[in-house]
């Protein structure tokens, strides 16, 4: 289990997308197992406050094929945490030389419903400024209750996220932008 850390929310930084791109590019070591990498989470939503930690969602042909390449991921400096509470995921973290986490990587197989859920949530917040603002308020509320415990902060906003994800999936399907596996 990873140790909780203080919750720092920063204003949106346009450099986050560049960092996400640079980190995504490094994952090319996975070769044909990697089918794409998406920048997700709050750092991917322009105008949204966020913990300054990049979240990436690499899509792979299969989790078994990814597991066989674990050493390649670790060679890039990532800590491998396995499923970490989600059976269909492989979770990795990357910290800088000072030990500060800079990235969370959530690997999912291309046929996982989690891919559509994460992308719909991101795209919904980008397309709906009022929901983006509501989420910022939810994040600040959760931070005020759990400023020194990132795990409790995440748990605190889980109900809001779950409810919004359901709306986001309906919106993405109606808009014709819902991710479908290849």
Protein backbone atom coordinates (compact mmCIF):
# COMPACT_ATOMS: atom_id res chain seq x y z
CA UNK A 1 0.00 0.00 0.00
CA UNK A 2 1.27 3.46 -0.87
CA UNK A 3 1.50 5.96 1.95
CA UNK A 4 -1.01 8.84 1.82
CA UNK A 5 0.47 12.27 1.21
CA UNK A 6 -0.75 15.85 1.70
CA UNK A 7 -3.25 17.11 -0.85
CA UNK A 8 -1.94 20.12 -2.75
CA UNK A 9 -4.26 21.61 -5.36
CA UNK A 10 -2.64 23.83 -7.95
CA UNK A 11 -4.18 26.07 -10.60
CA UNK A 12 -4.21 24.56 -14.09
CA UNK A 13 -0.77 24.66 -15.71
CA UNK A 14 -0.57 24.48 -19.51
CA UNK A 15 2.80 22.70 -19.17
CA UNK A 16 1.04 19.61 -17.79
CA UNK A 17 0.02 18.56 -21.30
CA UNK A 18 3.64 18.78 -22.47
CA UNK A 19 4.81 16.69 -19.53
CA UNK A 20 2.07 14.15 -20.22
CA UNK A 21 3.19 13.94 -23.85
CA UNK A 22 6.84 13.46 -22.84
CA UNK A 23 5.95 10.72 -20.37
CA UNK A 24 3.67 9.06 -22.94
CA UNK A 25 6.44 9.01 -25.53
CA UNK A 26 8.73 7.09 -23.17
CA UNK A 27 6.16 4.29 -22.97
CA UNK A 28 6.95 3.40 -26.59
CA UNK A 29 9.35 0.82 -25.09
CA UNK A 30 6.27 -1.40 -24.86
CA UNK A 31 6.22 -1.75 -28.64
CA UNK A 32 3.16 -3.40 -30.16
CA UNK A 33 1.64 -4.16 -26.74
CA UNK A 34 0.86 -0.43 -26.41
CA UNK A 35 -2.09 0.69 -28.54
CA UNK A 36 -2.33 4.26 -27.25
CA UNK A 37 -1.76 6.58 -24.29
CA UNK A 38 -4.31 9.08 -22.98
CA UNK A 39 -3.74 11.98 -20.61
CA UNK A 40 -6.55 11.73 -18.05
CA UNK A 41 -7.35 13.12 -14.62
CA UNK A 42 -7.60 16.72 -13.57
CA UNK A 43 -4.29 17.78 -15.15
CA UNK A 44 -5.83 16.94 -18.54
CA UNK A 45 -8.75 19.37 -18.11
CA UNK A 46 -7.87 22.98 -18.98
CA UNK A 47 -8.93 25.39 -16.26
CA UNK A 48 -9.37 22.77 -13.53
CA UNK A 49 -7.42 22.84 -10.27
CA UNK A 50 -5.47 19.64 -9.75
CA UNK A 51 -2.92 17.83 -7.69
CA UNK A 52 0.18 18.47 -9.84
CA UNK A 53 0.53 14.78 -10.68
CA UNK A 54 0.06 13.66 -14.28
CA UNK A 55 -2.36 10.76 -14.78
CA UNK A 56 -1.86 8.65 -17.87
CA UNK A 57 -4.00 5.84 -19.21
CA UNK A 58 -1.95 3.63 -21.49
CA UNK A 59 -4.10 1.14 -23.39
CA UNK A 60 -2.50 -2.24 -24.01
CA UNK A 61 -3.42 -5.28 -26.05
CA UNK A 62 -3.71 -7.34 -22.86
CA UNK A 63 -2.74 -7.14 -19.22
CA UNK A 64 -0.88 -10.45 -19.54
CA UNK A 65 1.27 -9.04 -22.35
CA UNK A 66 1.98 -5.96 -20.22
CA UNK A 67 2.90 -8.09 -17.21
CA UNK A 68 5.57 -9.75 -19.34
CA UNK A 69 7.10 -6.29 -19.92
CA UNK A 70 7.10 -5.19 -16.28
CA UNK A 71 10.91 -4.87 -16.24
CA UNK A 72 10.73 -2.40 -19.17
CA UNK A 73 8.36 -0.17 -17.18
CA UNK A 74 10.50 -0.37 -14.06
CA UNK A 75 13.61 0.46 -16.14
CA UNK A 76 11.94 3.81 -16.93
CA UNK A 77 11.88 4.57 -13.19
CA UNK A 78 8.28 3.59 -12.48
CA UNK A 79 7.30 1.78 -9.30
CA UNK A 80 5.02 -1.14 -10.16
CA UNK A 81 2.05 -1.60 -7.79
CA UNK A 82 0.12 -4.29 -9.67
CA UNK A 83 -3.67 -4.16 -9.59
CA UNK A 84 -3.71 -1.79 -6.62
CA UNK A 85 -7.38 -2.36 -5.86
CA UNK A 86 -8.68 -2.70 -9.43
CA UNK A 87 -8.46 -6.21 -10.87
CA UNK A 88 -8.30 -5.13 -14.53
CA UNK A 89 -5.59 -2.47 -14.03
CA UNK A 90 -1.86 -2.25 -13.58
CA UNK A 91 -0.90 0.83 -11.57
CA UNK A 92 2.52 2.46 -11.59
CA UNK A 93 3.88 5.66 -10.11
CA UNK A 94 6.81 7.86 -11.04
CA UNK A 95 8.62 10.17 -8.63
CA UNK A 96 11.27 12.78 -9.30
CA UNK A 97 14.77 12.68 -7.77
CA UNK A 98 13.42 14.38 -4.63
CA UNK A 99 10.86 11.65 -4.07
CA UNK A 100 7.87 13.77 -5.12
CA UNK A 101 5.33 11.86 -7.17
CA UNK A 102 4.97 13.32 -10.65
CA UNK A 103 2.88 10.68 -12.43
CA UNK A 104 0.30 7.96 -11.91
CA UNK A 105 -0.04 5.46 -14.73
CA UNK A 106 -3.20 3.37 -15.02
CA UNK A 107 -2.70 0.60 -17.60
CA UNK A 108 -5.86 -1.04 -18.93
CA UNK A 109 -6.45 -3.59 -21.67
CA UNK A 110 -8.08 -2.20 -24.80
CA UNK A 111 -11.30 -4.10 -24.08
CA UNK A 112 -11.68 -2.72 -20.54
CA UNK A 113 -14.76 -0.59 -19.87
CA UNK A 114 -12.54 1.58 -17.66
CA UNK A 115 -11.01 3.17 -20.75
CA UNK A 116 -14.37 4.55 -21.94
CA UNK A 117 -15.26 5.66 -18.40
CA UNK A 118 -12.05 7.65 -17.87
CA UNK A 119 -12.11 9.26 -21.30
CA UNK A 120 -15.80 10.16 -21.08
CA UNK A 121 -15.28 11.79 -17.68
CA UNK A 122 -12.36 13.87 -18.98
CA UNK A 123 -14.14 14.91 -22.16
CA UNK A 124 -17.36 15.71 -20.30
CA UNK A 125 -15.54 18.08 -17.94
CA UNK A 126 -13.78 19.75 -20.87
CA UNK A 127 -17.09 20.21 -22.73
CA UNK A 128 -19.11 21.39 -19.70
CA UNK A 129 -17.57 24.37 -17.86
CA UNK A 130 -20.29 24.33 -15.16
CA UNK A 131 -19.43 20.72 -14.28
CA UNK A 132 -15.73 21.57 -14.30
CA UNK A 133 -16.44 24.37 -11.82
CA UNK A 134 -18.60 22.05 -9.70
CA UNK A 135 -15.79 19.51 -9.63
CA UNK A 136 -13.32 22.18 -8.53
CA UNK A 137 -15.63 22.99 -5.61
CA UNK A 138 -15.90 19.28 -4.75
CA UNK A 139 -12.11 18.94 -4.83
CA UNK A 140 -11.68 21.94 -2.51
CA UNK A 141 -14.35 20.56 -0.15
CA UNK A 142 -12.61 17.19 0.02
CA UNK A 143 -9.24 18.88 0.52
CA UNK A 144 -10.63 20.95 3.42
CA UNK A 145 -11.68 17.72 5.14
CA UNK A 146 -8.58 15.63 4.33
CA UNK A 147 -5.70 18.01 3.61
CA UNK A 148 -3.05 15.57 4.83
CA UNK A 149 -4.45 12.29 3.53
CA UNK A 150 -4.59 11.82 -0.24
CA UNK A 151 -6.40 8.47 0.12
CA UNK A 152 -9.19 9.94 2.27
CA UNK A 153 -9.39 12.91 -0.14
CA UNK A 154 -9.94 10.50 -3.04
CA UNK A 155 -12.53 8.52 -1.09
CA UNK A 156 -14.35 11.73 -0.11
CA UNK A 157 -14.98 12.77 -3.71
CA UNK A 158 -15.72 9.24 -4.99
CA UNK A 159 -19.53 9.59 -4.87
CA UNK A 160 -19.43 12.83 -6.87
CA UNK A 161 -17.13 11.26 -9.43
CA UNK A 162 -19.24 8.13 -9.76
CA UNK A 163 -22.40 10.14 -10.33
CA UNK A 164 -20.71 12.38 -12.86
CA UNK A 165 -19.11 9.45 -14.68
CA UNK A 166 -22.57 7.98 -15.27
CA UNK A 167 -23.72 11.26 -16.84
CA UNK A 168 -20.48 11.52 -18.80
CA UNK A 169 -20.92 8.07 -20.32
CA UNK A 170 -24.47 8.91 -21.44
CA UNK A 171 -23.26 12.22 -22.87
CA UNK A 172 -20.32 10.58 -24.70
CA UNK A 173 -22.58 7.94 -26.22
CA UNK A 174 -25.13 10.55 -27.36
CA UNK A 175 -22.37 12.77 -28.75
CA UNK A 176 -20.82 9.86 -30.62
CA UNK A 177 -17.48 10.21 -28.80
CA UNK A 178 -17.65 7.14 -26.55
CA UNK A 179 -14.47 5.06 -26.75
CA UNK A 180 -15.02 1.65 -28.28
CA UNK A 181 -12.29 -1.00 -28.31
CA UNK A 182 -10.62 -1.80 -31.63
